[in-house]
Amino acid sequence: MRVETLPQAAGARRGAPSWTAAGVTLPTAHGRHLVALDIDGTLLHHDGTLSPVVADAVTAARAAGHEIVIATGRSLVAARPVAESLGMTEGYVVASNGAVLAELDPAAPDGARVLRTHTFDPAPALAVLRDSWPDARVAVEEVGLGFKVSAEFDPGELDGTVRVVDWAELVAGPATRVTFRSPSGTAQDFLDLVERVGLTGVNYAVGFTAWLDIAGEGVSKASGLERVRRWERIPRRRTVAVGDQRNDCEMLAWAACGVAMGNAPDEVKAVAKLVTGHVLADGVADVLRALPPACSGSCCA
């Protein structure tokens, strides 16, 4: 796989090498794979564009017989258009960092069926976070619809129907995912914040910016993918995951071959077994081209 021109010491720990050889194959067993792909910073550039090289690589991997699964922090509403742009009308989506599992289905309303959701009570976590950052906004996901929010988010940050509600309505009832966002802070600010306030009883991840996603305890992309793996009866030894951010760490550790993007922070690369190229260099396409054959019959046992 191609890699960005960074020295390995700056990108990966020992045991998570950058692959540079052409024509290599991933160190997983031959046969049909479950391949989990993050969206932003992995499939899509940070400006939201999709490289034709990546789209073609996804199409080829699916045609070869591999199970491509979109695994994203995005809501299902925001993930579906990406699946469509990849030509995926069937298959699974692990959305909202594992809290929502859906199956793409062209016959279903909006092109997908929700198979399972995992909810939690957002009130305790939001009580801890409330007033912890001056200009923070809160969004609580409404599956398949959009979000209820404490204040308007910047254009393009949320998809679907967005409703501004009072605090009582915001924290009322179970939620799949909560987002705590500041337009003025940084990712490091939020890493420091969660360390200071102490979030317990939930799973959380800080994104590329001052963006904190919160889900129920034990819920992650990895937990959602494990359920899909069991549904599809794919051996764990034939699982691959590719991602670039902190919310990908669990799934990179879960997969038989977790691959970090070249643009990932060092802490994410440290979890991965391999490091591929930067998103701008179509690093995820290199991973897909390196999948072992999805053979049939006895060789896939």
Protein backbone atom coordinates (compact mmCIF):
# COMPACT_ATOMS: atom_id res chain seq x y z
CA MET A 1 0.00 0.00 0.00
CA ARG A 2 1.14 3.53 -0.64
CA VAL A 3 1.92 5.65 2.37
CA GLU A 4 2.47 9.31 2.93
CA THR A 5 6.08 10.45 3.01
CA LEU A 6 6.39 10.57 6.78
CA PRO A 7 9.05 8.66 8.68
CA GLN A 8 7.58 5.62 10.38
CA ALA A 9 8.60 6.92 13.80
CA ALA A 10 6.20 9.82 13.31
CA GLY A 11 3.33 7.61 12.32
CA ALA A 12 3.23 4.16 13.81
CA ARG A 13 4.50 2.13 16.70
CA ARG A 14 6.51 -1.01 16.18
CA GLY A 15 4.02 -3.68 15.14
CA ALA A 16 1.94 -1.18 13.14
CA PRO A 17 4.16 -0.77 10.07
CA SER A 18 3.46 1.38 7.07
CA TRP A 19 3.16 -0.82 4.00
CA THR A 20 5.06 0.44 0.99
CA ALA A 21 5.35 -2.57 -1.31
CA ALA A 22 3.21 -2.78 -4.44
CA GLY A 23 1.05 -5.85 -4.94
CA VAL A 24 0.99 -6.85 -1.27
CA THR A 25 -1.85 -8.79 0.35
CA LEU A 26 -3.27 -8.19 3.82
CA PRO A 27 -2.17 -10.74 6.44
CA THR A 28 -5.64 -12.24 6.88
CA ALA A 29 -7.06 -15.61 5.85
CA HIS A 30 -8.35 -16.12 2.32
CA GLY A 31 -12.11 -15.95 1.96
CA ARG A 32 -14.99 -13.53 2.23
CA HIS A 33 -14.08 -10.64 4.53
CA LEU A 34 -16.07 -8.19 6.57
CA VAL A 35 -14.45 -4.85 5.73
CA ALA A 36 -15.46 -1.91 7.93
CA LEU A 37 -14.85 1.53 6.44
CA ASP A 38 -15.08 4.86 8.24
CA ILE A 39 -16.47 7.76 6.20
CA ASP A 40 -14.92 11.14 7.01
CA GLY A 41 -11.15 11.22 6.59
CA THR A 42 -11.16 7.65 5.25
CA LEU A 43 -13.63 7.26 2.39
CA LEU A 44 -14.24 11.00 1.99
CA HIS A 45 -11.79 13.89 1.94
CA HIS A 46 -12.28 16.44 4.70
CA ASP A 47 -14.15 18.67 2.23
CA GLY A 48 -16.66 15.86 1.67
CA THR A 49 -15.46 14.79 -1.78
CA LEU A 50 -15.16 11.16 -2.85
CA SER A 51 -12.23 10.12 -5.02
CA PRO A 52 -13.22 8.03 -8.07
CA VAL A 53 -10.28 5.77 -7.22
CA VAL A 54 -11.82 5.00 -3.83
CA ALA A 55 -15.29 4.51 -5.29
CA ASP A 56 -13.93 2.07 -7.86
CA ALA A 57 -12.00 0.16 -5.18
CA VAL A 58 -15.15 -0.24 -3.06
CA THR A 59 -17.11 -1.46 -6.08
CA ALA A 60 -14.38 -3.97 -6.96
CA ALA A 61 -14.18 -5.33 -3.41
CA ARG A 62 -17.94 -5.81 -3.28
CA ALA A 63 -17.96 -7.45 -6.70
CA ALA A 64 -15.24 -9.83 -5.48
CA GLY A 65 -17.58 -11.02 -2.73
CA HIS A 66 -16.44 -9.11 0.34
CA GLU A 67 -18.95 -7.64 2.82
CA ILE A 68 -18.30 -3.91 2.87
CA VAL A 69 -19.78 -2.23 5.96
CA ILE A 70 -19.97 1.53 6.46
CA ALA A 71 -18.93 2.23 10.06
CA THR A 72 -19.35 5.86 10.98
CA GLY A 73 -20.01 8.39 13.68
CA ARG A 74 -22.50 9.99 11.33
CA SER A 75 -26.22 9.49 11.79
CA LEU A 76 -27.98 7.08 9.46
CA VAL A 77 -29.54 10.08 7.69
CA ALA A 78 -26.05 11.41 6.93
CA ALA A 79 -24.51 8.03 6.08
CA ARG A 80 -27.07 6.92 3.48
CA PRO A 81 -26.05 9.43 0.79
CA VAL A 82 -22.43 8.29 1.09
CA ALA A 83 -23.48 4.68 0.61
CA GLU A 84 -25.48 5.73 -2.44
CA SER A 85 -22.48 7.58 -3.90
CA LEU A 86 -20.53 4.33 -3.56
CA GLY A 87 -23.23 2.43 -5.42
CA MET A 88 -24.24 0.55 -2.29
CA THR A 89 -27.96 -0.24 -2.30
CA GLU A 90 -27.50 -3.33 -0.12
CA GLY A 91 -25.34 -4.07 2.89
CA TYR A 92 -24.96 -2.85 6.44
CA VAL A 93 -24.39 0.54 8.01
CA VAL A 94 -23.06 0.87 11.54
CA ALA A 95 -24.06 4.45 12.30
CA SER A 96 -23.82 6.79 15.28
CA ASN A 97 -20.63 5.12 16.49
CA GLY A 98 -22.34 1.74 16.82
CA ALA A 99 -25.60 2.86 18.43
CA VAL A 100 -27.61 2.34 15.23
CA LEU A 101 -27.38 -0.73 13.01
CA ALA A 102 -29.17 -0.60 9.68
CA GLU A 103 -29.43 -2.54 6.46
CA LEU A 104 -29.53 -0.78 3.11
CA ASP A 105 -32.65 -1.78 1.23
CA PRO A 106 -33.90 -0.01 -1.91
CA ALA A 107 -37.45 -1.19 -1.12
CA ALA A 108 -37.45 0.39 2.33
CA PRO A 109 -38.51 3.98 3.05
CA ASP A 110 -35.46 6.23 2.64
CA GLY A 111 -33.45 3.25 1.39
CA ALA A 112 -32.60 1.63 4.73
CA ARG A 113 -34.13 -0.41 7.55
CA VAL A 114 -33.07 0.11 11.14
CA LEU A 115 -32.25 -3.29 12.61
CA ARG A 116 -31.18 -2.36 16.11
CA THR A 117 -30.60 0.67 18.30
CA HIS A 118 -28.80 1.00 21.61
CA THR A 119 -30.01 3.85 23.78
CA PHE A 120 -28.98 5.38 27.09
CA ASP A 121 -30.15 8.10 29.45
CA PRO A 122 -28.30 11.28 28.37
CA ALA A 123 -29.32 13.35 31.40
CA PRO A 124 -26.46 12.41 33.79
CA ALA A 125 -23.70 13.04 31.23
CA LEU A 126 -25.27 16.31 30.09
CA ALA A 127 -25.68 17.45 33.67
CA VAL A 128 -21.92 17.07 34.08
CA LEU A 129 -21.16 18.85 30.80
CA ARG A 130 -23.71 21.65 31.08
CA ASP A 131 -21.97 25.01 31.57
CA SER A 132 -18.54 23.32 31.30
CA TRP A 133 -17.70 25.19 28.09
CA PRO A 134 -18.93 28.75 27.34
CA ASP A 135 -20.31 28.39 23.80
CA ALA A 136 -21.03 24.68 23.72
CA ARG A 137 -24.05 23.37 21.84
CA VAL A 138 -25.70 20.00 22.42
CA ALA A 139 -27.38 17.76 19.86
CA VAL A 140 -29.41 14.66 20.70
CA GLU A 141 -30.00 12.30 17.80
CA GLU A 142 -33.50 11.36 16.67
CA VAL A 143 -32.92 8.20 14.64
CA GLY A 144 -33.97 8.45 11.01
CA LEU A 145 -35.07 12.06 11.42
CA GLY A 146 -32.31 14.37 12.59
CA PHE A 147 -31.51 16.07 15.89
CA LYS A 148 -32.97 18.11 18.70
CA VAL A 149 -30.45 20.76 19.76
CA SER A 150 -29.83 23.31 22.47
CA ALA A 151 -28.84 25.97 19.91
CA GLU A 152 -28.19 26.18 16.19
CA PHE A 153 -25.12 24.35 14.89
CA ASP A 154 -23.04 25.70 12.02
CA PRO A 155 -24.40 24.96 8.53
CA GLY A 156 -23.54 21.47 7.32
CA GLU A 157 -22.61 20.08 10.74
CA LEU A 158 -25.86 18.16 11.22
CA ASP A 159 -28.10 16.37 8.73
CA GLY A 160 -31.82 15.82 8.71
CA THR A 161 -34.41 17.85 10.58
CA VAL A 162 -32.85 19.99 13.33
CA ARG A 163 -35.10 21.30 16.12
CA VAL A 164 -34.06 23.80 18.80
CA VAL A 165 -35.66 22.74 22.08
CA ASP A 166 -35.39 23.68 25.74
CA TRP A 167 -33.11 21.78 28.12
CA ALA A 168 -35.91 19.72 29.64
CA GLU A 169 -36.93 18.34 26.25
CA LEU A 170 -33.32 17.90 25.22
CA VAL A 171 -32.56 15.45 28.05
CA ALA A 172 -35.95 13.79 28.15
CA GLY A 173 -36.08 10.15 27.11
CA PRO A 174 -33.44 7.69 25.92
CA ALA A 175 -30.98 8.65 23.18
CA THR A 176 -28.72 6.77 20.80
CA ARG A 177 -26.09 9.50 20.62
CA VAL A 178 -25.37 12.92 22.08
CA THR A 179 -23.00 15.46 20.55
CA PHE A 180 -21.32 18.21 22.57
CA ARG A 181 -19.81 20.80 20.23
CA SER A 182 -17.93 24.10 20.51
CA PRO A 183 -17.12 26.37 17.55
CA SER A 184 -14.32 28.05 19.52
CA GLY A 185 -12.54 25.11 21.14
CA THR A 186 -10.08 22.54 19.83
CA ALA A 187 -9.88 18.77 20.02
CA GLN A 188 -7.23 19.08 22.72
CA ASP A 189 -9.51 21.40 24.70
CA PHE A 190 -12.17 18.71 24.71
CA LEU A 191 -9.73 15.95 25.59
CA ASP A 192 -8.72 18.04 28.58
CA LEU A 193 -12.38 18.78 29.36
CA VAL A 194 -13.50 15.15 29.60
CA GLU A 195 -10.47 14.41 31.76
CA ARG A 196 -11.44 17.26 34.07
CA VAL A 197 -15.18 16.63 34.43
CA GLY A 198 -15.00 12.83 34.49
CA LEU A 199 -17.62 11.18 32.30
CA THR A 200 -18.75 7.81 33.67
CA GLY A 201 -21.27 5.22 32.57
CA VAL A 202 -20.95 6.17 28.89
CA ASN A 203 -18.66 5.64 25.93
CA TYR A 204 -17.28 8.79 24.31
CA ALA A 205 -14.87 9.98 21.65
CA VAL A 206 -13.42 13.38 20.76
CA GLY A 207 -13.24 14.09 17.06
CA PHE A 208 -10.98 16.04 14.73
CA THR A 209 -12.24 19.32 16.25
CA ALA A 210 -14.02 20.31 19.49
CA TRP A 211 -16.66 17.67 18.88
CA LEU A 212 -17.53 15.12 21.57
CA ASP A 213 -19.80 12.17 20.77
CA ILE A 214 -21.37 10.27 23.65
CA ALA A 215 -23.09 6.87 23.50
CA GLY A 216 -24.14 4.20 25.95
CA GLU A 217 -21.53 2.32 27.92
CA GLY A 218 -19.95 -0.44 25.83
CA VAL A 219 -21.30 0.96 22.56
CA SER A 220 -18.78 1.58 19.78
CA LYS A 221 -18.25 0.85 16.14
CA ALA A 222 -16.62 -2.40 17.30
CA SER A 223 -19.72 -3.56 19.20
CA GLY A 224 -21.90 -2.91 16.16
CA LEU A 225 -19.49 -4.63 13.80
CA GLU A 226 -19.26 -7.70 16.01
CA ARG A 227 -23.01 -8.08 15.78
CA VAL A 228 -22.89 -7.78 11.97
CA ARG A 229 -20.04 -10.29 11.87
CA ARG A 230 -22.14 -12.81 13.77
CA TRP A 231 -25.18 -12.21 11.60
CA GLU A 232 -23.09 -12.85 8.49
CA ARG A 233 -21.11 -15.73 10.08
CA ILE A 234 -17.78 -14.34 8.97
CA PRO A 235 -14.84 -15.63 11.03
CA ARG A 236 -13.07 -13.02 13.12
CA ARG A 237 -9.82 -13.85 11.32
CA ARG A 238 -11.36 -12.37 8.15
CA THR A 239 -12.19 -8.92 9.48
CA VAL A 240 -10.58 -5.65 8.37
CA ALA A 241 -11.29 -2.13 9.59
CA VAL A 242 -9.98 1.19 8.25
CA GLY A 243 -10.32 4.52 10.05
CA ASP A 244 -8.61 7.77 10.97
CA GLN A 245 -10.00 9.12 14.25
CA ARG A 246 -10.34 8.37 17.95
CA ASN A 247 -13.83 6.92 17.52
CA ASP A 248 -12.21 4.28 15.29
CA CYS A 249 -9.82 2.96 17.93
CA GLU A 250 -12.13 0.22 19.23
CA MET A 251 -12.87 -1.14 15.77
CA LEU A 252 -9.20 -1.05 14.75
CA ALA A 253 -8.36 -3.10 17.83
CA TRP A 254 -11.34 -5.42 17.20
CA ALA A 255 -10.49 -6.31 13.60
CA ALA A 256 -8.07 -9.06 12.69
CA CYS A 257 -6.37 -6.37 10.62
CA GLY A 258 -6.99 -2.81 11.78
CA VAL A 259 -5.57 -0.21 9.40
CA ALA A 260 -5.11 3.44 10.31
CA MET A 261 -5.12 6.12 7.65
CA GLY A 262 -1.93 8.09 7.14
CA ASN A 263 -3.76 11.23 8.27
CA ALA A 264 -4.75 9.66 11.61
CA PRO A 265 -3.40 11.01 14.92
CA ASP A 266 -0.50 9.05 16.37
CA GLU A 267 -2.69 7.63 19.15
CA VAL A 268 -4.95 6.05 16.50
CA LYS A 269 -2.02 4.70 14.50
CA ALA A 270 -0.69 3.15 17.70
CA VAL A 271 -3.81 0.97 17.97
CA ALA A 272 -3.65 -0.24 14.36
CA LYS A 273 -1.76 -3.21 12.99
CA LEU A 274 -0.96 -1.37 9.75
CA VAL A 275 -0.88 2.20 8.48
CA THR A 276 -1.90 3.07 4.92
CA GLY A 277 -1.70 6.28 2.91
CA HIS A 278 -3.28 9.66 3.55
CA VAL A 279 -6.91 10.16 2.58
CA LEU A 280 -5.71 12.56 -0.15
CA ALA A 281 -3.57 9.71 -1.53
CA ASP A 282 -6.52 7.26 -1.61
CA GLY A 283 -5.05 5.19 1.21
CA VAL A 284 -8.26 3.22 1.76
CA ALA A 285 -8.22 2.10 -1.87
CA ASP A 286 -4.79 0.54 -1.29
CA VAL A 287 -6.24 -1.48 1.58
CA LEU A 288 -9.16 -2.70 -0.52
CA ARG A 289 -6.88 -3.73 -3.36
CA ALA A 290 -4.78 -5.71 -0.85
CA LEU A 291 -7.66 -7.89 0.36
CA PRO A 292 -7.07 -11.64 -0.06
CA PRO A 293 -9.28 -13.40 -2.60
CA ALA A 294 -12.88 -13.89 -1.50
CA CYS A 295 -12.86 -17.50 -2.66
CA SER A 296 -15.76 -19.88 -2.34
CA GLY A 297 -16.06 -23.47 -1.19
CA SER A 298 -13.68 -25.30 1.09
CA CYS A 299 -10.94 -22.65 1.00
CA CYS A 300 -13.28 -20.28 2.84
CA ALA A 301 -13.98 -22.66 5.70
